[in-house]
Amino acid sequence: DTESIDAAKLSRFIEINSLHLVTEYNPVTVVGLFNSMIQIHLLLIM
């Protein structure tokens, strides 16, 4: 995958999996959130 990667695919790989101490919910980050091994999620709705 690395050998044939393009900018769009690498950008999406980083966007999806960039979880921080606090991650903002959106249709991109939600994929990484559900792929995490951590099974308890806390949402601050504000």
ModelCIF file with pLDDT and N, C-alpha, C, O atoms, coordinates in Angstrom:
data_MODEL
#
_entry.id   MODEL 
#
_entity.id                         1 
_entity.type                       polymer 
_entity.pdbx_number_of_molecules   1 
#
_entity_poly.entity_id                      1 
_entity_poly.type                           'polypeptide(L)' 
_entity_poly.nstd_linkage                   no 
_entity_poly.nstd_monomer                   no 
_entity_poly.pdbx_seq_one_letter_code       DTESIDAAKLSRFIEINSLHLVTEYNPVTVVGLFNSMIQIHLLLIM 
_entity_poly.pdbx_seq_one_letter_code_can   DTESIDAAKLSRFIEINSLHLVTEYNPVTVVGLFNSMIQIHLLLIM 
_entity_poly.pdbx_strand_id                 A 
#
loop_
_entity_poly_seq.entity_id 
_entity_poly_seq.num 
_entity_poly_seq.mon_id 
_entity_poly_seq.hetero 
1 1  ASP n 
1 2  THR n 
1 3  GLU n 
1 4  SER n 
1 5  ILE n 
1 6  ASP n 
1 7  ALA n 
1 8  ALA n 
1 9  LYS n 
1 10 LEU n 
1 11 SER n 
1 12 ARG n 
1 13 PHE n 
1 14 ILE n 
1 15 GLU n 
1 16 ILE n 
1 17 ASN n 
1 18 SER n 
1 19 LEU n 
1 20 HIS n 
1 21 LEU n 
1 22 VAL n 
1 23 THR n 
1 24 GLU n 
1 25 TYR n 
1 26 ASN n 
1 27 PRO n 
1 28 VAL n 
1 29 THR n 
1 30 VAL n 
1 31 VAL n 
1 32 GLY n 
1 33 LEU n 
1 34 PHE n 
1 35 ASN n 
1 36 SER n 
1 37 MET n 
1 38 ILE n 
1 39 GLN n 
1 40 ILE n 
1 41 HIS n 
1 42 LEU n 
1 43 LEU n 
1 44 LEU n 
1 45 ILE n 
1 46 MET n 
#
_struct_asym.id          A 
_struct_asym.entity_id   1 
#
loop_
_ma_qa_metric.id 
_ma_qa_metric.mode 
_ma_qa_metric.name 
_ma_qa_metric.software_group_id 
_ma_qa_metric.type 
1 global pLDDT . pLDDT 
2 local  pLDDT . pLDDT 
#
_ma_qa_metric_global.metric_id      1 
_ma_qa_metric_global.metric_value   91.35 
_ma_qa_metric_global.model_id       1 
_ma_qa_metric_global.ordinal_id     1 
#
loop_
_ma_qa_metric_local.label_asym_id 
_ma_qa_metric_local.label_comp_id 
_ma_qa_metric_local.label_seq_id 
_ma_qa_metric_local.metric_id 
_ma_qa_metric_local.metric_value 
_ma_qa_metric_local.model_id 
_ma_qa_metric_local.ordinal_id 
A ASP 1  2 80.00 1 1  
A THR 2  2 85.00 1 2  
A GLU 3  2 80.00 1 3  
A SER 4  2 85.00 1 4  
A ILE 5  2 91.00 1 5  
A ASP 6  2 93.00 1 6  
A ALA 7  2 94.00 1 7  
A ALA 8  2 94.00 1 8  
A LYS 9  2 93.00 1 9  
A LEU 10 2 95.00 1 10 
A SER 11 2 94.00 1 11 
A ARG 12 2 92.00 1 12 
A PHE 13 2 93.00 1 13 
A ILE 14 2 95.00 1 14 
A GLU 15 2 92.00 1 15 
A ILE 16 2 92.00 1 16 
A ASN 17 2 94.00 1 17 
A SER 18 2 93.00 1 18 
A LEU 19 2 94.00 1 19 
A HIS 20 2 94.00 1 20 
A LEU 21 2 94.00 1 21 
A VAL 22 2 96.00 1 22 
A THR 23 2 96.00 1 23 
A GLU 24 2 95.00 1 24 
A TYR 25 2 93.00 1 25 
A ASN 26 2 89.00 1 26 
A PRO 27 2 85.00 1 27 
A VAL 28 2 86.00 1 28 
A THR 29 2 89.00 1 29 
A VAL 30 2 86.00 1 30 
A VAL 31 2 86.00 1 31 
A GLY 32 2 88.00 1 32 
A LEU 33 2 88.00 1 33 
A PHE 34 2 83.00 1 34 
A ASN 35 2 85.00 1 35 
A SER 36 2 88.00 1 36 
A MET 37 2 89.00 1 37 
A ILE 38 2 93.00 1 38 
A GLN 39 2 92.00 1 39 
A ILE 40 2 95.00 1 40 
A HIS 41 2 96.00 1 41 
A LEU 42 2 97.00 1 42 
A LEU 43 2 97.00 1 43 
A LEU 44 2 98.00 1 44 
A ILE 45 2 98.00 1 45 
A MET 46 2 97.00 1 46 
#
loop_
_atom_site.group_PDB 
_atom_site.id 
_atom_site.type_symbol 
_atom_site.label_atom_id 
_atom_site.label_alt_id 
_atom_site.label_comp_id 
_atom_site.label_asym_id 
_atom_site.label_entity_id 
_atom_site.label_seq_id 
_atom_site.pdbx_PDB_ins_code 
_atom_site.Cartn_x 
_atom_site.Cartn_y 
_atom_site.Cartn_z 
_atom_site.occupancy 
_atom_site.B_iso_or_equiv 
_atom_site.pdbx_formal_charge 
_atom_site.auth_seq_id 
_atom_site.auth_comp_id 
_atom_site.auth_asym_id 
_atom_site.auth_atom_id 
_atom_site.pdbx_PDB_model_num 
ATOM 1   N N  . ASP A 1 1  ? 0.835   -1.204 0.000  1.00 80.00 ? 1  ASP A N  1 
ATOM 2   C CA . ASP A 1 1  ? 0.000   0.000  0.000  1.00 80.00 ? 1  ASP A CA 1 
ATOM 3   C C  . ASP A 1 1  ? 0.869   1.253  0.000  1.00 80.00 ? 1  ASP A C  1 
ATOM 4   O O  . ASP A 1 1  ? 0.539   2.247  -0.647 1.00 80.00 ? 1  ASP A O  1 
ATOM 5   N N  . THR A 1 2  ? 1.979   1.197  0.730  1.00 85.00 ? 2  THR A N  1 
ATOM 6   C CA . THR A 1 2  ? 2.889   2.343  0.780  1.00 85.00 ? 2  THR A CA 1 
ATOM 7   C C  . THR A 1 2  ? 3.518   2.592  -0.579 1.00 85.00 ? 2  THR A C  1 
ATOM 8   O O  . THR A 1 2  ? 3.661   3.737  -1.006 1.00 85.00 ? 2  THR A O  1 
ATOM 9   N N  . GLU A 1 3  ? 3.890   1.524  -1.251 1.00 80.00 ? 3  GLU A N  1 
ATOM 10  C CA . GLU A 1 3  ? 4.542   1.656  -2.563 1.00 80.00 ? 3  GLU A CA 1 
ATOM 11  C C  . GLU A 1 3  ? 3.638   2.356  -3.573 1.00 80.00 ? 3  GLU A C  1 
ATOM 12  O O  . GLU A 1 3  ? 4.116   3.101  -4.428 1.00 80.00 ? 3  GLU A O  1 
ATOM 13  N N  . SER A 1 4  ? 2.314   2.111  -3.470 1.00 85.00 ? 4  SER A N  1 
ATOM 14  C CA . SER A 1 4  ? 1.379   2.648  -4.470 1.00 85.00 ? 4  SER A CA 1 
ATOM 15  C C  . SER A 1 4  ? 0.501   3.769  -3.915 1.00 85.00 ? 4  SER A C  1 
ATOM 16  O O  . SER A 1 4  ? -0.507  4.127  -4.525 1.00 85.00 ? 4  SER A O  1 
ATOM 17  N N  . ILE A 1 5  ? 0.877   4.321  -2.769 1.00 91.00 ? 5  ILE A N  1 
ATOM 18  C CA . ILE A 1 5  ? 0.042   5.316  -2.099 1.00 91.00 ? 5  ILE A CA 1 
ATOM 19  C C  . ILE A 1 5  ? -0.030  6.602  -2.914 1.00 91.00 ? 5  ILE A C  1 
ATOM 20  O O  . ILE A 1 5  ? 0.933   6.984  -3.578 1.00 91.00 ? 5  ILE A O  1 
ATOM 21  N N  . ASP A 1 6  ? -1.185  7.265  -2.854 1.00 93.00 ? 6  ASP A N  1 
ATOM 22  C CA . ASP A 1 6  ? -1.296  8.603  -3.427 1.00 93.00 ? 6  ASP A CA 1 
ATOM 23  C C  . ASP A 1 6  ? -1.679  9.561  -2.301 1.00 93.00 ? 6  ASP A C  1 
ATOM 24  O O  . ASP A 1 6  ? -1.971  9.130  -1.185 1.00 93.00 ? 6  ASP A O  1 
ATOM 25  N N  . ALA A 1 7  ? -1.678  10.850 -2.595 1.00 94.00 ? 7  ALA A N  1 
ATOM 26  C CA . ALA A 1 7  ? -1.901  11.859 -1.563 1.00 94.00 ? 7  ALA A CA 1 
ATOM 27  C C  . ALA A 1 7  ? -3.272  11.717 -0.910 1.00 94.00 ? 7  ALA A C  1 
ATOM 28  O O  . ALA A 1 7  ? -3.404  11.889 0.302  1.00 94.00 ? 7  ALA A O  1 
ATOM 29  N N  . ALA A 1 8  ? -4.288  11.405 -1.705 1.00 94.00 ? 8  ALA A N  1 
ATOM 30  C CA . ALA A 1 8  ? -5.640  11.304 -1.164 1.00 94.00 ? 8  ALA A CA 1 
ATOM 31  C C  . ALA A 1 8  ? -5.753  10.141 -0.180 1.00 94.00 ? 8  ALA A C  1 
ATOM 32  O O  . ALA A 1 8  ? -6.362  10.286 0.880  1.00 94.00 ? 8  ALA A O  1 
ATOM 33  N N  . LYS A 1 9  ? -5.170  8.987  -0.522 1.00 93.00 ? 9  LYS A N  1 
ATOM 34  C CA . LYS A 1 9  ? -5.245  7.817  0.353  1.00 93.00 ? 9  LYS A CA 1 
ATOM 35  C C  . LYS A 1 9  ? -4.450  8.025  1.637  1.00 93.00 ? 9  LYS A C  1 
ATOM 36  O O  . LYS A 1 9  ? -4.908  7.650  2.716  1.00 93.00 ? 9  LYS A O  1 
ATOM 37  N N  . LEU A 1 10 ? -3.265  8.618  1.529  1.00 95.00 ? 10 LEU A N  1 
ATOM 38  C CA . LEU A 1 10 ? -2.455  8.854  2.728  1.00 95.00 ? 10 LEU A CA 1 
ATOM 39  C C  . LEU A 1 10 ? -3.117  9.889  3.625  1.00 95.00 ? 10 LEU A C  1 
ATOM 40  O O  . LEU A 1 10 ? -3.107  9.755  4.849  1.00 95.00 ? 10 LEU A O  1 
ATOM 41  N N  . SER A 1 11 ? -3.691  10.919 3.019  1.00 94.00 ? 11 SER A N  1 
ATOM 42  C CA . SER A 1 11 ? -4.388  11.941 3.788  1.00 94.00 ? 11 SER A CA 1 
ATOM 43  C C  . SER A 1 11 ? -5.558  11.344 4.555  1.00 94.00 ? 11 SER A C  1 
ATOM 44  O O  . SER A 1 11 ? -5.782  11.677 5.719  1.00 94.00 ? 11 SER A O  1 
ATOM 45  N N  . ARG A 1 12 ? -6.304  10.459 3.900  1.00 92.00 ? 12 ARG A N  1 
ATOM 46  C CA . ARG A 1 12 ? -7.454  9.843  4.563  1.00 92.00 ? 12 ARG A CA 1 
ATOM 47  C C  . ARG A 1 12 ? -6.995  8.898  5.678  1.00 92.00 ? 12 ARG A C  1 
ATOM 48  O O  . ARG A 1 12 ? -7.631  8.829  6.730  1.00 92.00 ? 12 ARG A O  1 
ATOM 49  N N  . PHE A 1 13 ? -5.909  8.178  5.456  1.00 93.00 ? 13 PHE A N  1 
ATOM 50  C CA . PHE A 1 13 ? -5.355  7.294  6.494  1.00 93.00 ? 13 PHE A CA 1 
ATOM 51  C C  . PHE A 1 13 ? -5.024  8.097  7.753  1.00 93.00 ? 13 PHE A C  1 
ATOM 52  O O  . PHE A 1 13 ? -5.303  7.658  8.869  1.00 93.00 ? 13 PHE A O  1 
ATOM 53  N N  . ILE A 1 14 ? -4.433  9.264  7.565  1.00 95.00 ? 14 ILE A N  1 
ATOM 54  C CA . ILE A 1 14 ? -4.058  10.098 8.713  1.00 95.00 ? 14 ILE A CA 1 
ATOM 55  C C  . ILE A 1 14 ? -5.296  10.711 9.359  1.00 95.00 ? 14 ILE A C  1 
ATOM 56  O O  . ILE A 1 14 ? -5.416  10.716 10.585 1.00 95.00 ? 14 ILE A O  1 
ATOM 57  N N  . GLU A 1 15 ? -6.214  11.227 8.549  1.00 92.00 ? 15 GLU A N  1 
ATOM 58  C CA . GLU A 1 15 ? -7.425  11.857 9.082  1.00 92.00 ? 15 GLU A CA 1 
ATOM 59  C C  . GLU A 1 15 ? -8.251  10.872 9.899  1.00 92.00 ? 15 GLU A C  1 
ATOM 60  O O  . GLU A 1 15 ? -8.716  11.198 10.992 1.00 92.00 ? 15 GLU A O  1 
ATOM 61  N N  . ILE A 1 16 ? -8.430  9.680  9.371  1.00 92.00 ? 16 ILE A N  1 
ATOM 62  C CA . ILE A 1 16 ? -9.270  8.687  10.048 1.00 92.00 ? 16 ILE A CA 1 
ATOM 63  C C  . ILE A 1 16 ? -8.666  8.249  11.372 1.00 92.00 ? 16 ILE A C  1 
ATOM 64  O O  . ILE A 1 16 ? -9.386  8.069  12.355 1.00 92.00 ? 16 ILE A O  1 
ATOM 65  N N  . ASN A 1 17 ? -7.360  8.079  11.406 1.00 94.00 ? 17 ASN A N  1 
ATOM 66  C CA . ASN A 1 17 ? -6.714  7.463  12.567 1.00 94.00 ? 17 ASN A CA 1 
ATOM 67  C C  . ASN A 1 17 ? -6.087  8.438  13.544 1.00 94.00 ? 17 ASN A C  1 
ATOM 68  O O  . ASN A 1 17 ? -5.505  8.017  14.543 1.00 94.00 ? 17 ASN A O  1 
ATOM 69  N N  . SER A 1 18 ? -6.193  9.737  13.277 1.00 93.00 ? 18 SER A N  1 
ATOM 70  C CA . SER A 1 18 ? -5.599  10.731 14.179 1.00 93.00 ? 18 SER A CA 1 
ATOM 71  C C  . SER A 1 18 ? -6.509  11.000 15.372 1.00 93.00 ? 18 SER A C  1 
ATOM 72  O O  . SER A 1 18 ? -7.251  11.982 15.392 1.00 93.00 ? 18 SER A O  1 
ATOM 73  N N  . LEU A 1 19 ? -6.442  10.123 16.357 1.00 94.00 ? 19 LEU A N  1 
ATOM 74  C CA . LEU A 1 19 ? -7.198  10.318 17.589 1.00 94.00 ? 19 LEU A CA 1 
ATOM 75  C C  . LEU A 1 19 ? -6.313  11.019 18.610 1.00 94.00 ? 19 LEU A C  1 
ATOM 76  O O  . LEU A 1 19 ? -5.161  10.638 18.821 1.00 94.00 ? 19 LEU A O  1 
ATOM 77  N N  . HIS A 1 20 ? -6.871  12.050 19.239 1.00 94.00 ? 20 HIS A N  1 
ATOM 78  C CA . HIS A 1 20 ? -6.133  12.825 20.230 1.00 94.00 ? 20 HIS A CA 1 
ATOM 79  C C  . HIS A 1 20 ? -6.700  12.553 21.624 1.00 94.00 ? 20 HIS A C  1 
ATOM 80  O O  . HIS A 1 20 ? -7.638  11.771 21.777 1.00 94.00 ? 20 HIS A O  1 
ATOM 81  N N  . LEU A 1 21 ? -6.128  13.199 22.629 1.00 94.00 ? 21 LEU A N  1 
ATOM 82  C CA . LEU A 1 21 ? -6.685  13.058 23.973 1.00 94.00 ? 21 LEU A CA 1 
ATOM 83  C C  . LEU A 1 21 ? -8.154  13.442 23.964 1.00 94.00 ? 21 LEU A C  1 
ATOM 84  O O  . LEU A 1 21 ? -8.968  12.827 24.652 1.00 94.00 ? 21 LEU A O  1 
ATOM 85  N N  . VAL A 1 22 ? -8.494  14.469 23.178 1.00 96.00 ? 22 VAL A N  1 
ATOM 86  C CA . VAL A 1 22 ? -9.890  14.812 22.901 1.00 96.00 ? 22 VAL A CA 1 
ATOM 87  C C  . VAL A 1 22 ? -10.028 14.909 21.387 1.00 96.00 ? 22 VAL A C  1 
ATOM 88  O O  . VAL A 1 22 ? -9.375  15.735 20.750 1.00 96.00 ? 22 VAL A O  1 
ATOM 89  N N  . THR A 1 23 ? -10.877 14.066 20.816 1.00 96.00 ? 23 THR A N  1 
ATOM 90  C CA . THR A 1 23 ? -11.073 14.020 19.375 1.00 96.00 ? 23 THR A CA 1 
ATOM 91  C C  . THR A 1 23 ? -12.444 14.577 19.031 1.00 96.00 ? 23 THR A C  1 
ATOM 92  O O  . THR A 1 23 ? -13.449 14.171 19.615 1.00 96.00 ? 23 THR A O  1 
ATOM 93  N N  . GLU A 1 24 ? -12.486 15.508 18.083 1.00 95.00 ? 24 GLU A N  1 
ATOM 94  C CA . GLU A 1 24 ? -13.783 16.051 17.686 1.00 95.00 ? 24 GLU A CA 1 
ATOM 95  C C  . GLU A 1 24 ? -14.497 15.085 16.753 1.00 95.00 ? 24 GLU A C  1 
ATOM 96  O O  . GLU A 1 24 ? -13.917 14.575 15.794 1.00 95.00 ? 24 GLU A O  1 
ATOM 97  N N  . TYR A 1 25 ? -15.768 14.846 17.055 1.00 93.00 ? 25 TYR A N  1 
ATOM 98  C CA . TYR A 1 25 ? -16.595 13.918 16.280 1.00 93.00 ? 25 TYR A CA 1 
ATOM 99  C C  . TYR A 1 25 ? -16.948 14.529 14.934 1.00 93.00 ? 25 TYR A C  1 
ATOM 100 O O  . TYR A 1 25 ? -17.429 15.660 14.868 1.00 93.00 ? 25 TYR A O  1 
ATOM 101 N N  . ASN A 1 26 ? -16.708 13.778 13.855 1.00 89.00 ? 26 ASN A N  1 
ATOM 102 C CA . ASN A 1 26 ? -17.208 14.118 12.529 1.00 89.00 ? 26 ASN A CA 1 
ATOM 103 C C  . ASN A 1 26 ? -17.206 12.841 11.702 1.00 89.00 ? 26 ASN A C  1 
ATOM 104 O O  . ASN A 1 26 ? -16.672 11.831 12.162 1.00 89.00 ? 26 ASN A O  1 
ATOM 105 N N  . PRO A 1 27 ? -17.777 12.840 10.508 1.00 85.00 ? 27 PRO A N  1 
ATOM 106 C CA . PRO A 1 27 ? -17.880 11.606 9.728  1.00 85.00 ? 27 PRO A CA 1 
ATOM 107 C C  . PRO A 1 27 ? -16.546 10.974 9.362  1.00 85.00 ? 27 PRO A C  1 
ATOM 108 O O  . PRO A 1 27 ? -16.517 9.811  8.958  1.00 85.00 ? 27 PRO A O  1 
ATOM 109 N N  . VAL A 1 28 ? -15.438 11.704 9.492  1.00 86.00 ? 28 VAL A N  1 
ATOM 110 C CA . VAL A 1 28 ? -14.128 11.126 9.212  1.00 86.00 ? 28 VAL A CA 1 
ATOM 111 C C  . VAL A 1 28 ? -13.550 10.470 10.465 1.00 86.00 ? 28 VAL A C  1 
ATOM 112 O O  . VAL A 1 28 ? -13.155 9.304  10.429 1.00 86.00 ? 28 VAL A O  1 
ATOM 113 N N  . THR A 1 29 ? -13.498 11.212 11.570 1.00 89.00 ? 29 THR A N  1 
ATOM 114 C CA . THR A 1 29 ? -12.867 10.687 12.783 1.00 89.00 ? 29 THR A CA 1 
ATOM 115 C C  . THR A 1 29 ? -13.651 9.536  13.406 1.00 89.00 ? 29 THR A C  1 
ATOM 116 O O  . THR A 1 29 ? -13.084 8.737  14.151 1.00 89.00 ? 29 THR A O  1 
ATOM 117 N N  . VAL A 1 30 ? -14.949 9.442  13.112 1.00 86.00 ? 30 VAL A N  1 
ATOM 118 C CA . VAL A 1 30 ? -15.748 8.377  13.715 1.00 86.00 ? 30 VAL A CA 1 
ATOM 119 C C  . VAL A 1 30 ? -15.239 6.998  13.297 1.00 86.00 ? 30 VAL A C  1 
ATOM 120 O O  . VAL A 1 30 ? -15.402 6.032  14.041 1.00 86.00 ? 30 VAL A O  1 
ATOM 121 N N  . VAL A 1 31 ? -14.627 6.894  12.122 1.00 86.00 ? 31 VAL A N  1 
ATOM 122 C CA . VAL A 1 31 ? -14.083 5.612  11.675 1.00 86.00 ? 31 VAL A CA 1 
ATOM 123 C C  . VAL A 1 31 ? -12.940 5.185  12.591 1.00 86.00 ? 31 VAL A C  1 
ATOM 124 O O  . VAL A 1 31 ? -12.895 4.041  13.042 1.00 86.00 ? 31 VAL A O  1 
ATOM 125 N N  . GLY A 1 32 ? -12.018 6.109  12.863 1.00 88.00 ? 32 GLY A N  1 
ATOM 126 C CA . GLY A 1 32 ? -10.906 5.804  13.756 1.00 88.00 ? 32 GLY A CA 1 
ATOM 127 C C  . GLY A 1 32 ? -11.365 5.514  15.164 1.00 88.00 ? 32 GLY A C  1 
ATOM 128 O O  . GLY A 1 32 ? -10.786 4.668  15.844 1.00 88.00 ? 32 GLY A O  1 
ATOM 129 N N  . LEU A 1 33 ? -12.411 6.212  15.617 1.00 88.00 ? 33 LEU A N  1 
ATOM 130 C CA . LEU A 1 33 ? -12.930 5.980  16.966 1.00 88.00 ? 33 LEU A CA 1 
ATOM 131 C C  . LEU A 1 33 ? -13.425 4.548  17.116 1.00 88.00 ? 33 LEU A C  1 
ATOM 132 O O  . LEU A 1 33 ? -13.180 3.907  18.138 1.00 88.00 ? 33 LEU A O  1 
ATOM 133 N N  . PHE A 1 34 ? -14.120 4.049  16.104 1.00 83.00 ? 34 PHE A N  1 
ATOM 134 C CA . PHE A 1 34 ? -14.651 2.696  16.194 1.00 83.00 ? 34 PHE A CA 1 
ATOM 135 C C  . PHE A 1 34 ? -13.602 1.633  15.928 1.00 83.00 ? 34 PHE A C  1 
ATOM 136 O O  . PHE A 1 34 ? -13.806 0.465  16.260 1.00 83.00 ? 34 PHE A O  1 
ATOM 137 N N  . ASN A 1 35 ? -12.489 2.018  15.338 1.00 85.00 ? 35 ASN A N  1 
ATOM 138 C CA . ASN A 1 35 ? -11.404 1.065  15.127 1.00 85.00 ? 35 ASN A CA 1 
ATOM 139 C C  . ASN A 1 35 ? -10.477 0.969  16.324 1.00 85.00 ? 35 ASN A C  1 
ATOM 140 O O  . ASN A 1 35 ? -9.627  0.080  16.376 1.00 85.00 ? 35 ASN A O  1 
ATOM 141 N N  . SER A 1 36 ? -10.625 1.867  17.285 1.00 88.00 ? 36 SER A N  1 
ATOM 142 C CA . SER A 1 36 ? -9.769  1.845  18.469 1.00 88.00 ? 36 SER A CA 1 
ATOM 143 C C  . SER A 1 36 ? -10.101 0.646  19.345 1.00 88.00 ? 36 SER A C  1 
ATOM 144 O O  . SER A 1 36 ? -11.242 0.188  19.385 1.00 88.00 ? 36 SER A O  1 
ATOM 145 N N  . MET A 1 37 ? -9.082  0.142  20.049 1.00 89.00 ? 37 MET A N  1 
ATOM 146 C CA . MET A 1 37 ? -9.281  -0.971 20.965 1.00 89.00 ? 37 MET A CA 1 
ATOM 147 C C  . MET A 1 37 ? -9.999  -0.527 22.243 1.00 89.00 ? 37 MET A C  1 
ATOM 148 O O  . MET A 1 37 ? -10.513 -1.363 22.986 1.00 89.00 ? 37 MET A O  1 
ATOM 149 N N  . ILE A 1 38 ? -10.035 0.772  22.500 1.00 93.00 ? 38 ILE A N  1 
ATOM 150 C CA . ILE A 1 38 ? -10.716 1.286  23.695 1.00 93.00 ? 38 ILE A CA 1 
ATOM 151 C C  . ILE A 1 38 ? -12.220 1.247  23.459 1.00 93.00 ? 38 ILE A C  1 
ATOM 152 O O  . ILE A 1 38 ? -12.719 1.808  22.483 1.00 93.00 ? 38 ILE A O  1 
ATOM 153 N N  . GLN A 1 39 ? -12.937 0.584  24.355 1.00 92.00 ? 39 GLN A N  1 
ATOM 154 C CA . GLN A 1 39 ? -14.353 0.302  24.123 1.00 92.00 ? 39 GLN A CA 1 
ATOM 155 C C  . GLN A 1 39 ? -15.302 1.238  24.856 1.00 92.00 ? 39 GLN A C  1 
ATOM 156 O O  . GLN A 1 39 ? -16.516 1.151  24.674 1.00 92.00 ? 39 GLN A O  1 
ATOM 157 N N  . ILE A 1 40 ? -14.768 2.131  25.681 1.00 95.00 ? 40 ILE A N  1 
ATOM 158 C CA . ILE A 1 40 ? -15.621 3.096  26.373 1.00 95.00 ? 40 ILE A CA 1 
ATOM 159 C C  . ILE A 1 40 ? -15.340 4.487  25.801 1.00 95.00 ? 40 ILE A C  1 
ATOM 160 O O  . ILE A 1 40 ? -14.196 4.941  25.778 1.00 95.00 ? 40 ILE A O  1 
ATOM 161 N N  . HIS A 1 41 ? -16.388 5.146  25.346 1.00 96.00 ? 41 HIS A N  1 
ATOM 162 C CA . HIS A 1 41 ? -16.262 6.469  24.744 1.00 96.00 ? 41 HIS A CA 1 
ATOM 163 C C  . HIS A 1 41 ? -17.067 7.480  25.561 1.00 96.00 ? 41 HIS A C  1 
ATOM 164 O O  . HIS A 1 41 ? -18.222 7.236  25.907 1.00 96.00 ? 41 HIS A O  1 
ATOM 165 N N  . LEU A 1 42 ? -16.445 8.608  25.859 1.00 97.00 ? 42 LEU A N  1 
ATOM 166 C CA . LEU A 1 42 ? -17.126 9.694  26.568 1.00 97.00 ? 42 LEU A CA 1 
ATOM 167 C C  . LEU A 1 42 ? -17.283 10.870 25.623 1.00 97.00 ? 42 LEU A C  1 
ATOM 168 O O  . LEU A 1 42 ? -16.311 11.317 25.014 1.00 97.00 ? 42 LEU A O  1 
ATOM 169 N N  . LEU A 1 43 ? -18.513 11.375 25.497 1.00 97.00 ? 43 LEU A N  1 
ATOM 170 C CA . LEU A 1 43 ? -18.789 12.498 24.622 1.00 97.00 ? 43 LEU A CA 1 
ATOM 171 C C  . LEU A 1 43 ? -19.142 13.735 25.444 1.00 97.00 ? 43 LEU A C  1 
ATOM 172 O O  . LEU A 1 43 ? -20.013 13.686 26.313 1.00 97.00 ? 43 LEU A O  1 
ATOM 173 N N  . LEU A 1 44 ? -18.470 14.827 25.166 1.00 98.00 ? 44 LEU A N  1 
ATOM 174 C CA . LEU A 1 44 ? -18.900 16.129 25.672 1.00 98.00 ? 44 LEU A CA 1 
ATOM 175 C C  . LEU A 1 44 ? -19.680 16.783 24.546 1.00 98.00 ? 44 LEU A C  1 
ATOM 176 O O  . LEU A 1 44 ? -19.122 17.118 23.501 1.00 98.00 ? 44 LEU A O  1 
ATOM 177 N N  . ILE A 1 45 ? -20.978 16.963 24.767 1.00 98.00 ? 45 ILE A N  1 
ATOM 178 C CA . ILE A 1 45 ? -21.841 17.568 23.756 1.00 98.00 ? 45 ILE A CA 1 
ATOM 179 C C  . ILE A 1 45 ? -22.046 19.024 24.131 1.00 98.00 ? 45 ILE A C  1 
ATOM 180 O O  . ILE A 1 45 ? -22.720 19.332 25.114 1.00 98.00 ? 45 ILE A O  1 
ATOM 181 N N  . MET A 1 46 ? -21.464 19.915 23.348 1.00 97.00 ? 46 MET A N  1 
ATOM 182 C CA . MET A 1 46 ? -21.425 21.334 23.706 1.00 97.00 ? 46 MET A CA 1 
ATOM 183 C C  . MET A 1 46 ? -21.266 22.186 22.461 1.00 97.00 ? 46 MET A C  1 
ATOM 184 O O  . MET A 1 46 ? -21.212 23.412 22.555 1.00 97.00 ? 46 MET A O  1 
#
